[in-house]
Amino acid sequence: MALPDPIPVEDLFSPHRAPGTRTPVPTTPLTLAARDGRALPSSLTLPVGIEPRGLPTVLLVQDRPWLGPRCGDGAVVQLLANRGYAVLQVGDREPVSVPEDLLDAVDRVVELGHTDPDRVAIAGSSWGGYAALAGVAFTPDRFAAAVAHSGIPNLANYLRSVPEHDDPATAAAWFRHIGDPDDPDQEHAMLARSPVTRVRDIRTPLLIAQGAQDPRVAPAESALVVDALRARRREVEYLVFDDEGHTIEDPENRIALFRAVERFLARHLGGRG
């Protein structure tokens, strides 16, 4: 068996691509158990054409922790599956338990035989980027690589930057799940869970991507993490997009980002680059 032909990154992320006839790689919904017995609604996308055992795996964390796992036919999931990775997505989590509940989900797919425990990466954007940074800061021996786009180094500062135009229900959800930075006790607890306080413990190869105009995660905070890692001679790749904010919108920038991601993951997990 062999993987299908590589899908060019441009085919997935360019708005000018020709309509394709590719069949999306199917995703399987499953329920995984957290260590406290909670059910974690999850989804697992397995690459086609190769035996689904002992695979390099990407734990792809979404940007709002209280939502269910996203459908597996997104461009990022399809790219990763095409490159030979199993893609695990987990929803309906308790944010305060990150990364514990995510680690539990990984343990379950390892037990199912799909995942090589030594070749797991954690990746995500915004809150997912926080989870990636927290995963390598608080459990530095669990992941072979991490990708954080607009990752949150400091939870208190992130909550202080909730835009006034944000949907009130969404803003309230952030404060309900994460905490109120204006309450000294809650701020202290938030800082204790912030990756910026544990940068010294990060040993995992890390790719950080950041928009220079990001109003939610200050570029200076990401740069602080990068500088601290480089000072310790840790492996970190840093991509800054001068014309982007909290999300990468320009198609050329998205193509550049995911080209870098596929090279980075291939180097550290052994998937197809």
C-alpha atoms as a PDB file:
ATOM      1  CA  MET A   1       0.000   0.000   0.000  1.00  0.00           C
ATOM      2  CA  ALA A   2       1.074   3.592  -0.579  1.00  0.00           C
ATOM      3  CA  LEU A   3      -0.199   7.065   0.101  1.00  0.00           C
ATOM      4  CA  PRO A   4      -2.077   8.824  -2.709  1.00  0.00           C
ATOM      5  CA  ASP A   5      -0.162  11.341  -4.793  1.00  0.00           C
ATOM      6  CA  PRO A   6       0.766  14.468  -2.833  1.00  0.00           C
ATOM      7  CA  ILE A   7      -1.825  17.238  -2.923  1.00  0.00           C
ATOM      8  CA  PRO A   8      -0.064  20.542  -3.664  1.00  0.00           C
ATOM      9  CA  VAL A   9      -0.486  23.030  -0.838  1.00  0.00           C
ATOM     10  CA  GLU A  10      -1.806  25.511  -3.407  1.00  0.00           C
ATOM     11  CA  ASP A  11      -4.679  23.156  -4.240  1.00  0.00           C
ATOM     12  CA  LEU A  12      -5.919  23.383  -0.665  1.00  0.00           C
ATOM     13  CA  PHE A  13      -5.266  26.992   0.291  1.00  0.00           C
ATOM     14  CA  SER A  14      -5.481  29.079  -2.876  1.00  0.00           C
ATOM     15  CA  PRO A  15      -8.866  30.679  -3.695  1.00  0.00           C
ATOM     16  CA  HIS A  16      -7.923  30.510  -7.378  1.00  0.00           C
ATOM     17  CA  ARG A  17      -7.532  26.739  -7.500  1.00  0.00           C
ATOM     18  CA  ALA A  18      -9.553  24.872 -10.081  1.00  0.00           C
ATOM     19  CA  PRO A  19     -12.529  22.883  -8.758  1.00  0.00           C
ATOM     20  CA  GLY A  20     -11.143  19.519  -7.666  1.00  0.00           C
ATOM     21  CA  THR A  21     -12.470  16.024  -7.876  1.00  0.00           C
ATOM     22  CA  ARG A  22     -10.526  14.672  -4.914  1.00  0.00           C
ATOM     23  CA  THR A  23     -12.482  12.621  -2.412  1.00  0.00           C
ATOM     24  CA  PRO A  24     -11.863  13.901   1.134  1.00  0.00           C
ATOM     25  CA  VAL A  25     -10.151  11.504   3.491  1.00  0.00           C
ATOM     26  CA  PRO A  26     -12.930  10.259   5.809  1.00  0.00           C
ATOM     27  CA  THR A  27     -13.033  11.098   9.480  1.00  0.00           C
ATOM     28  CA  THR A  28     -14.249   8.767  12.208  1.00  0.00           C
ATOM     29  CA  PRO A  29     -16.049  10.198  15.258  1.00  0.00           C
ATOM     30  CA  LEU A  30     -15.140   8.510  18.509  1.00  0.00           C
ATOM     31  CA  THR A  31     -15.507   9.077  22.226  1.00  0.00           C
ATOM     32  CA  LEU A  32     -12.363   8.932  24.323  1.00  0.00           C
ATOM     33  CA  ALA A  33     -12.138   8.801  28.104  1.00  0.00           C
ATOM     34  CA  ALA A  34     -10.322  11.407  30.162  1.00  0.00           C
ATOM     35  CA  ARG A  35      -8.526  10.336  33.328  1.00  0.00           C
ATOM     36  CA  ASP A  36     -11.393  11.662  35.466  1.00  0.00           C
ATOM     37  CA  GLY A  37     -13.944   9.615  33.537  1.00  0.00           C
ATOM     38  CA  ARG A  38     -15.295  12.451  31.399  1.00  0.00           C
ATOM     39  CA  ALA A  39     -16.184  11.558  27.840  1.00  0.00           C
ATOM     40  CA  LEU A  40     -14.193  13.493  25.237  1.00  0.00           C
ATOM     41  CA  PRO A  41     -16.058  13.677  21.905  1.00  0.00           C
ATOM     42  CA  SER A  42     -13.291  13.376  19.352  1.00  0.00           C
ATOM     43  CA  SER A  43     -12.553  12.649  15.736  1.00  0.00           C
ATOM     44  CA  LEU A  44      -9.741  10.717  14.109  1.00  0.00           C
ATOM     45  CA  THR A  45      -8.713  11.100  10.498  1.00  0.00           C
ATOM     46  CA  LEU A  46      -6.448   8.338   9.210  1.00  0.00           C
ATOM     47  CA  PRO A  47      -4.433   8.549   5.998  1.00  0.00           C
ATOM     48  CA  VAL A  48      -5.564   6.277   3.208  1.00  0.00           C
ATOM     49  CA  GLY A  49      -3.264   3.876   1.401  1.00  0.00           C
ATOM     50  CA  ILE A  50      -1.160   2.813   4.387  1.00  0.00           C
ATOM     51  CA  GLU A  51      -1.787   0.538   7.343  1.00  0.00           C
ATOM     52  CA  PRO A  52      -3.353   2.602  10.164  1.00  0.00           C
ATOM     53  CA  ARG A  53      -1.006   1.404  12.868  1.00  0.00           C
ATOM     54  CA  GLY A  54       1.898   3.114  14.586  1.00  0.00           C
ATOM     55  CA  LEU A  55       1.370   6.295  12.597  1.00  0.00           C
ATOM     56  CA  PRO A  56       2.921   9.698  13.173  1.00  0.00           C
ATOM     57  CA  THR A  57       0.059  11.728  14.601  1.00  0.00           C
ATOM     58  CA  VAL A  58      -0.876  15.386  14.860  1.00  0.00           C
ATOM     59  CA  LEU A  59      -3.055  16.412  17.778  1.00  0.00           C
ATOM     60  CA  LEU A  60      -4.859  19.364  16.174  1.00  0.00           C
ATOM     61  CA  VAL A  61      -6.405  21.621  18.815  1.00  0.00           C
ATOM     62  CA  GLN A  62      -9.162  24.043  17.860  1.00  0.00           C
ATOM     63  CA  ASP A  63      -9.381  27.671  18.864  1.00  0.00           C
ATOM     64  CA  ARG A  64     -12.302  27.465  21.324  1.00  0.00           C
ATOM     65  CA  PRO A  65     -12.028  24.706  23.938  1.00  0.00           C
ATOM     66  CA  TRP A  66     -15.738  24.394  24.704  1.00  0.00           C
ATOM     67  CA  LEU A  67     -16.730  23.409  21.148  1.00  0.00           C
ATOM     68  CA  GLY A  68     -17.024  19.910  19.772  1.00  0.00           C
ATOM     69  CA  PRO A  69     -14.378  18.555  17.386  1.00  0.00           C
ATOM     70  CA  ARG A  70     -14.510  20.074  13.946  1.00  0.00           C
ATOM     71  CA  CYS A  71     -15.369  18.129  10.850  1.00  0.00           C
ATOM     72  CA  GLY A  72     -12.322  16.382   9.478  1.00  0.00           C
ATOM     73  CA  ASP A  73     -12.611  17.588   5.896  1.00  0.00           C
ATOM     74  CA  GLY A  74     -10.947  20.955   6.508  1.00  0.00           C
ATOM     75  CA  ALA A  75      -7.962  21.881   4.381  1.00  0.00           C
ATOM     76  CA  VAL A  76      -5.459  21.483   7.219  1.00  0.00           C
ATOM     77  CA  VAL A  77      -6.740  18.024   8.144  1.00  0.00           C
ATOM     78  CA  GLN A  78      -6.738  16.920   4.516  1.00  0.00           C
ATOM     79  CA  LEU A  79      -3.185  18.180   4.027  1.00  0.00           C
ATOM     80  CA  LEU A  80      -1.907  16.324   7.087  1.00  0.00           C
ATOM     81  CA  ALA A  81      -3.677  13.085   6.198  1.00  0.00           C
ATOM     82  CA  ASN A  82      -2.315  13.273   2.664  1.00  0.00           C
ATOM     83  CA  ARG A  83       1.183  13.576   4.109  1.00  0.00           C
ATOM     84  CA  GLY A  84       0.729  10.376   6.106  1.00  0.00           C
ATOM     85  CA  TYR A  85      -0.344  11.656   9.520  1.00  0.00           C
ATOM     86  CA  ALA A  86      -3.216  10.538  11.673  1.00  0.00           C
ATOM     87  CA  VAL A  87      -5.072  13.655  12.835  1.00  0.00           C
ATOM     88  CA  LEU A  88      -6.722  13.662  16.256  1.00  0.00           C
ATOM     89  CA  GLN A  89      -9.193  16.394  17.231  1.00  0.00           C
ATOM     90  CA  VAL A  90     -10.769  16.645  20.666  1.00  0.00           C
ATOM     91  CA  GLY A  91     -13.745  18.739  21.790  1.00  0.00           C
ATOM     92  CA  ASP A  92     -15.875  19.532  24.833  1.00  0.00           C
ATOM     93  CA  ARG A  93     -12.885  19.815  27.117  1.00  0.00           C
ATOM     94  CA  GLU A  94     -12.323  21.562  30.424  1.00  0.00           C
ATOM     95  CA  PRO A  95      -9.844  24.361  29.589  1.00  0.00           C
ATOM     96  CA  VAL A  96      -8.282  24.259  33.039  1.00  0.00           C
ATOM     97  CA  SER A  97      -7.233  20.667  32.389  1.00  0.00           C
ATOM     98  CA  VAL A  98      -5.188  21.446  29.289  1.00  0.00           C
ATOM     99  CA  PRO A  99      -2.986  19.667  28.466  1.00  0.00           C
ATOM    100  CA  GLU A 100      -4.034  16.757  30.692  1.00  0.00           C
ATOM    101  CA  ASP A 101      -7.227  15.914  28.814  1.00  0.00           C
ATOM    102  CA  LEU A 102      -5.429  16.164  25.486  1.00  0.00           C
ATOM    103  CA  LEU A 103      -2.748  13.803  26.746  1.00  0.00           C
ATOM    104  CA  ASP A 104      -5.468  11.386  27.800  1.00  0.00           C
ATOM    105  CA  ALA A 105      -6.937  11.455  24.290  1.00  0.00           C
ATOM    106  CA  VAL A 106      -3.520  10.735  22.788  1.00  0.00           C
ATOM    107  CA  ASP A 107      -3.042   7.840  25.184  1.00  0.00           C
ATOM    108  CA  ARG A 108      -6.339   6.338  24.030  1.00  0.00           C
ATOM    109  CA  VAL A 109      -5.404   6.379  20.323  1.00  0.00           C
ATOM    110  CA  VAL A 110      -2.019   4.912  21.219  1.00  0.00           C
ATOM    111  CA  GLU A 111      -3.873   2.097  22.985  1.00  0.00           C
ATOM    112  CA  LEU A 112      -5.990   1.598  19.844  1.00  0.00           C
ATOM    113  CA  GLY A 113      -2.746   1.007  17.960  1.00  0.00           C
ATOM    114  CA  HIS A 114      -3.105   3.869  15.496  1.00  0.00           C
ATOM    115  CA  THR A 115      -0.446   6.160  16.952  1.00  0.00           C
ATOM    116  CA  ASP A 116       3.284   5.857  17.528  1.00  0.00           C
ATOM    117  CA  PRO A 117       3.720   7.478  20.958  1.00  0.00           C
ATOM    118  CA  ASP A 118       7.173   8.730  20.013  1.00  0.00           C
ATOM    119  CA  ARG A 119       5.907  10.580  16.937  1.00  0.00           C
ATOM    120  CA  VAL A 120       3.133  12.863  18.139  1.00  0.00           C
ATOM    121  CA  ALA A 121       2.966  16.586  17.435  1.00  0.00           C
ATOM    122  CA  ILE A 122       0.575  19.112  18.954  1.00  0.00           C
ATOM    123  CA  ALA A 123      -0.601  21.994  16.791  1.00  0.00           C
ATOM    124  CA  GLY A 124      -3.191  24.724  16.773  1.00  0.00           C
ATOM    125  CA  SER A 125      -4.124  28.356  16.337  1.00  0.00           C
ATOM    126  CA  SER A 126      -5.098  30.906  19.000  1.00  0.00           C
ATOM    127  CA  TRP A 127      -6.347  28.746  21.916  1.00  0.00           C
ATOM    128  CA  GLY A 128      -5.037  25.755  19.994  1.00  0.00           C
ATOM    129  CA  GLY A 129      -1.709  27.569  19.848  1.00  0.00           C
ATOM    130  CA  TYR A 130      -1.907  28.051  23.604  1.00  0.00           C
ATOM    131  CA  ALA A 131      -2.463  24.312  23.999  1.00  0.00           C
ATOM    132  CA  ALA A 132       0.579  23.624  21.824  1.00  0.00           C
ATOM    133  CA  LEU A 133       2.775  25.958  23.878  1.00  0.00           C
ATOM    134  CA  ALA A 134       1.367  24.623  27.158  1.00  0.00           C
ATOM    135  CA  GLY A 135       1.845  21.050  26.001  1.00  0.00           C
ATOM    136  CA  VAL A 136       5.569  21.485  25.426  1.00  0.00           C
ATOM    137  CA  ALA A 137       6.062  23.773  28.444  1.00  0.00           C
ATOM    138  CA  PHE A 138       4.264  21.671  31.051  1.00  0.00           C
ATOM    139  CA  THR A 139       4.850  18.193  29.568  1.00  0.00           C
ATOM    140  CA  PRO A 140       8.103  18.643  27.642  1.00  0.00           C
ATOM    141  CA  ASP A 141       8.702  14.927  27.102  1.00  0.00           C
ATOM    142  CA  ARG A 142       5.345  14.052  25.543  1.00  0.00           C
ATOM    143  CA  PHE A 143       5.554  15.605  22.076  1.00  0.00           C
ATOM    144  CA  ALA A 144       8.061  15.244  19.261  1.00  0.00           C
ATOM    145  CA  ALA A 145       7.170  18.642  17.778  1.00  0.00           C
ATOM    146  CA  ALA A 146       4.738  21.534  18.200  1.00  0.00           C
ATOM    147  CA  VAL A 147       3.217  24.189  15.949  1.00  0.00           C
ATOM    148  CA  ALA A 148       1.651  27.309  17.495  1.00  0.00           C
ATOM    149  CA  HIS A 149       0.022  29.928  15.269  1.00  0.00           C
ATOM    150  CA  SER A 150      -1.032  33.008  17.246  1.00  0.00           C
ATOM    151  CA  GLY A 151      -0.409  30.908  20.340  1.00  0.00           C
ATOM    152  CA  ILE A 152      -1.188  32.514  23.700  1.00  0.00           C
ATOM    153  CA  PRO A 153       1.886  32.797  25.962  1.00  0.00           C
ATOM    154  CA  ASN A 154       0.088  34.761  28.698  1.00  0.00           C
ATOM    155  CA  LEU A 155      -3.563  33.947  29.503  1.00  0.00           C
ATOM    156  CA  ALA A 156      -4.162  37.074  31.588  1.00  0.00           C
ATOM    157  CA  ASN A 157      -2.983  39.401  28.839  1.00  0.00           C
ATOM    158  CA  TYR A 158      -5.056  37.510  26.276  1.00  0.00           C
ATOM    159  CA  LEU A 159      -8.239  37.945  28.322  1.00  0.00           C
ATOM    160  CA  ARG A 160      -7.462  41.637  28.709  1.00  0.00           C
ATOM    161  CA  SER A 161      -7.424  41.978  24.922  1.00  0.00           C
ATOM    162  CA  VAL A 162     -10.921  40.627  24.198  1.00  0.00           C
ATOM    163  CA  PRO A 163     -12.206  43.054  21.541  1.00  0.00           C
ATOM    164  CA  GLU A 164     -15.185  45.219  22.446  1.00  0.00           C
ATOM    165  CA  HIS A 165     -16.877  44.161  19.216  1.00  0.00           C
ATOM    166  CA  ASP A 166     -16.630  40.472  20.097  1.00  0.00           C
ATOM    167  CA  ASP A 167     -19.895  38.619  20.438  1.00  0.00           C
ATOM    168  CA  PRO A 168     -20.956  39.082  24.109  1.00  0.00           C
ATOM    169  CA  ALA A 169     -21.650  35.382  24.552  1.00  0.00           C
ATOM    170  CA  THR A 170     -18.199  34.502  23.237  1.00  0.00           C
ATOM    171  CA  ALA A 171     -16.507  37.069  25.455  1.00  0.00           C
ATOM    172  CA  ALA A 172     -18.449  35.782  28.470  1.00  0.00           C
ATOM    173  CA  ALA A 173     -17.440  32.211  27.622  1.00  0.00           C
ATOM    174  CA  TRP A 174     -13.759  33.130  27.666  1.00  0.00           C
ATOM    175  CA  PHE A 175     -14.055  34.699  31.126  1.00  0.00           C
ATOM    176  CA  ARG A 176     -16.206  31.841  32.422  1.00  0.00           C
ATOM    177  CA  HIS A 177     -13.820  29.142  31.223  1.00  0.00           C
ATOM    178  CA  ILE A 178     -10.467  30.855  31.711  1.00  0.00           C
ATOM    179  CA  GLY A 179     -10.905  33.466  34.434  1.00  0.00           C
ATOM    180  CA  ASP A 180     -11.029  37.182  35.130  1.00  0.00           C
ATOM    181  CA  PRO A 181      -7.610  38.852  34.941  1.00  0.00           C
ATOM    182  CA  ASP A 182      -8.854  41.746  37.077  1.00  0.00           C
ATOM    183  CA  ASP A 183      -9.324  39.372  40.022  1.00  0.00           C
ATOM    184  CA  PRO A 184      -5.858  38.964  41.644  1.00  0.00           C
ATOM    185  CA  ASP A 185      -6.450  35.340  42.664  1.00  0.00           C
ATOM    186  CA  GLN A 186      -7.724  34.375  39.228  1.00  0.00           C
ATOM    187  CA  GLU A 187      -4.912  36.271  37.540  1.00  0.00           C
ATOM    188  CA  HIS A 188      -2.396  34.359  39.648  1.00  0.00           C
ATOM    189  CA  ALA A 189      -3.996  31.060  38.626  1.00  0.00           C
ATOM    190  CA  MET A 190      -3.993  32.104  34.972  1.00  0.00           C
ATOM    191  CA  LEU A 191      -0.314  33.004  35.079  1.00  0.00           C
ATOM    192  CA  ALA A 192       0.455  29.644  36.666  1.00  0.00           C
ATOM    193  CA  ARG A 193      -1.087  28.009  33.573  1.00  0.00           C
ATOM    194  CA  SER A 194       0.626  30.360  31.120  1.00  0.00           C
ATOM    195  CA  PRO A 195       3.457  28.975  28.969  1.00  0.00           C
ATOM    196  CA  VAL A 196       5.467  32.187  29.388  1.00  0.00           C
ATOM    197  CA  THR A 197       6.139  31.170  32.992  1.00  0.00           C
ATOM    198  CA  ARG A 198       7.636  27.827  31.930  1.00  0.00           C
ATOM    199  CA  VAL A 199       9.657  28.655  28.825  1.00  0.00           C
ATOM    200  CA  ARG A 200      12.770  27.346  30.544  1.00  0.00           C
ATOM    201  CA  ASP A 201      11.272  23.837  30.473  1.00  0.00           C
ATOM    202  CA  ILE A 202      10.574  23.726  26.725  1.00  0.00           C
ATOM    203  CA  ARG A 203      12.815  21.249  24.915  1.00  0.00           C
ATOM    204  CA  THR A 204      10.525  20.213  22.056  1.00  0.00           C
ATOM    205  CA  PRO A 205      11.187  21.537  18.521  1.00  0.00           C
ATOM    206  CA  LEU A 206       8.714  24.354  18.003  1.00  0.00           C
ATOM    207  CA  LEU A 207       7.350  26.335  15.066  1.00  0.00           C
ATOM    208  CA  ILE A 208       5.720  29.649  16.014  1.00  0.00           C
ATOM    209  CA  ALA A 209       3.792  31.736  13.483  1.00  0.00           C
ATOM    210  CA  GLN A 210       2.566  35.220  14.257  1.00  0.00           C
ATOM    211  CA  GLY A 211       0.846  38.129  12.549  1.00  0.00           C
ATOM    212  CA  ALA A 212       2.672  41.400  13.187  1.00  0.00           C
ATOM    213  CA  GLN A 213      -0.684  43.217  13.459  1.00  0.00           C
ATOM    214  CA  ASP A 214      -2.236  40.730  15.906  1.00  0.00           C
ATOM    215  CA  PRO A 215      -4.467  42.624  18.390  1.00  0.00           C
ATOM    216  CA  ARG A 216      -5.008  39.585  20.643  1.00  0.00           C
ATOM    217  CA  VAL A 217      -1.517  38.099  21.035  1.00  0.00           C
ATOM    218  CA  ALA A 218       1.095  40.824  21.070  1.00  0.00           C
ATOM    219  CA  PRO A 219       3.988  39.997  18.732  1.00  0.00           C
ATOM    220  CA  ALA A 220       6.337  41.075  21.512  1.00  0.00           C
ATOM    221  CA  GLU A 221       5.031  38.220  23.682  1.00  0.00           C
ATOM    222  CA  SER A 222       5.735  35.629  21.003  1.00  0.00           C
ATOM    223  CA  ALA A 223       9.137  37.182  20.377  1.00  0.00           C
ATOM    224  CA  LEU A 224       9.882  36.932  24.096  1.00  0.00           C
ATOM    225  CA  VAL A 225       9.264  33.179  23.977  1.00  0.00           C
ATOM    226  CA  VAL A 226      11.362  32.790  20.824  1.00  0.00           C
ATOM    227  CA  ASP A 227      14.265  34.823  22.229  1.00  0.00           C
ATOM    228  CA  ALA A 228      14.236  32.849  25.474  1.00  0.00           C
ATOM    229  CA  LEU A 229      14.313  29.551  23.582  1.00  0.00           C
ATOM    230  CA  ARG A 230      17.100  30.685  21.291  1.00  0.00           C
ATOM    231  CA  ALA A 231      19.107  31.865  24.283  1.00  0.00           C
ATOM    232  CA  ARG A 232      18.874  28.289  25.576  1.00  0.00           C
ATOM    233  CA  ARG A 233      19.792  26.915  22.142  1.00  0.00           C
ATOM    234  CA  ARG A 234      16.402  25.261  21.729  1.00  0.00           C
ATOM    235  CA  GLU A 235      15.112  24.549  18.250  1.00  0.00           C
ATOM    236  CA  VAL A 236      12.502  27.121  17.283  1.00  0.00           C
ATOM    237  CA  GLU A 237      11.356  28.329  13.870  1.00  0.00           C
ATOM    238  CA  TYR A 238       9.688  31.751  13.904  1.00  0.00           C
ATOM    239  CA  LEU A 239       7.473  33.048  11.085  1.00  0.00           C
ATOM    240  CA  VAL A 240       6.167  36.613  11.211  1.00  0.00           C
ATOM    241  CA  PHE A 241       3.676  37.858   8.629  1.00  0.00           C
ATOM    242  CA  ASP A 242       3.894  41.649   8.543  1.00  0.00           C
ATOM    243  CA  ASP A 243       0.455  42.216   7.003  1.00  0.00           C
ATOM    244  CA  GLU A 244      -1.570  39.770   9.117  1.00  0.00           C
ATOM    245  CA  GLY A 245      -3.512  39.957  12.369  1.00  0.00           C
ATOM    246  CA  HIS A 246      -4.710  37.185  14.653  1.00  0.00           C
ATOM    247  CA  THR A 247      -5.549  34.941  11.686  1.00  0.00           C
ATOM    248  CA  ILE A 248      -3.666  34.406   8.446  1.00  0.00           C
ATOM    249  CA  GLU A 249      -5.999  35.603   5.697  1.00  0.00           C
ATOM    250  CA  ASP A 250      -3.865  36.261   2.622  1.00  0.00           C
ATOM    251  CA  PRO A 251      -3.760  33.109   0.459  1.00  0.00           C
ATOM    252  CA  GLU A 252      -0.064  33.474  -0.324  1.00  0.00           C
ATOM    253  CA  ASN A 253       0.730  33.757   3.368  1.00  0.00           C
ATOM    254  CA  ARG A 254      -1.408  30.699   4.142  1.00  0.00           C
ATOM    255  CA  ILE A 255       0.430  28.735   1.471  1.00  0.00           C
ATOM    256  CA  ALA A 256       3.795  29.843   2.896  1.00  0.00           C
ATOM    257  CA  LEU A 257       2.707  28.907   6.412  1.00  0.00           C
ATOM    258  CA  PHE A 258       1.577  25.397   5.534  1.00  0.00           C
ATOM    259  CA  ARG A 259       4.582  24.732   3.342  1.00  0.00           C
ATOM    260  CA  ALA A 260       6.684  25.518   6.408  1.00  0.00           C
ATOM    261  CA  VAL A 261       4.459  23.332   8.599  1.00  0.00           C
ATOM    262  CA  GLU A 262       4.710  20.299   6.299  1.00  0.00           C
ATOM    263  CA  ARG A 263       8.513  20.613   6.128  1.00  0.00           C
ATOM    264  CA  PHE A 264       8.758  21.035   9.898  1.00  0.00           C
ATOM    265  CA  LEU A 265       6.569  18.033  10.668  1.00  0.00           C
ATOM    266  CA  ALA A 266       8.314  15.855   8.101  1.00  0.00           C
ATOM    267  CA  ARG A 267      11.630  16.650   9.740  1.00  0.00           C
ATOM    268  CA  HIS A 268      10.469  15.748  13.242  1.00  0.00           C
ATOM    269  CA  LEU A 269       7.752  13.133  12.732  1.00  0.00           C
ATOM    270  CA  GLY A 270       8.875  11.464   9.539  1.00  0.00           C
ATOM    271  CA  GLY A 271       5.757  12.063   7.453  1.00  0.00           C
ATOM    272  CA  ARG A 272       5.864  13.012   3.803  1.00  0.00           C
ATOM    273  CA  GLY A 273       7.295  16.479   3.245  1.00  0.00           C
END
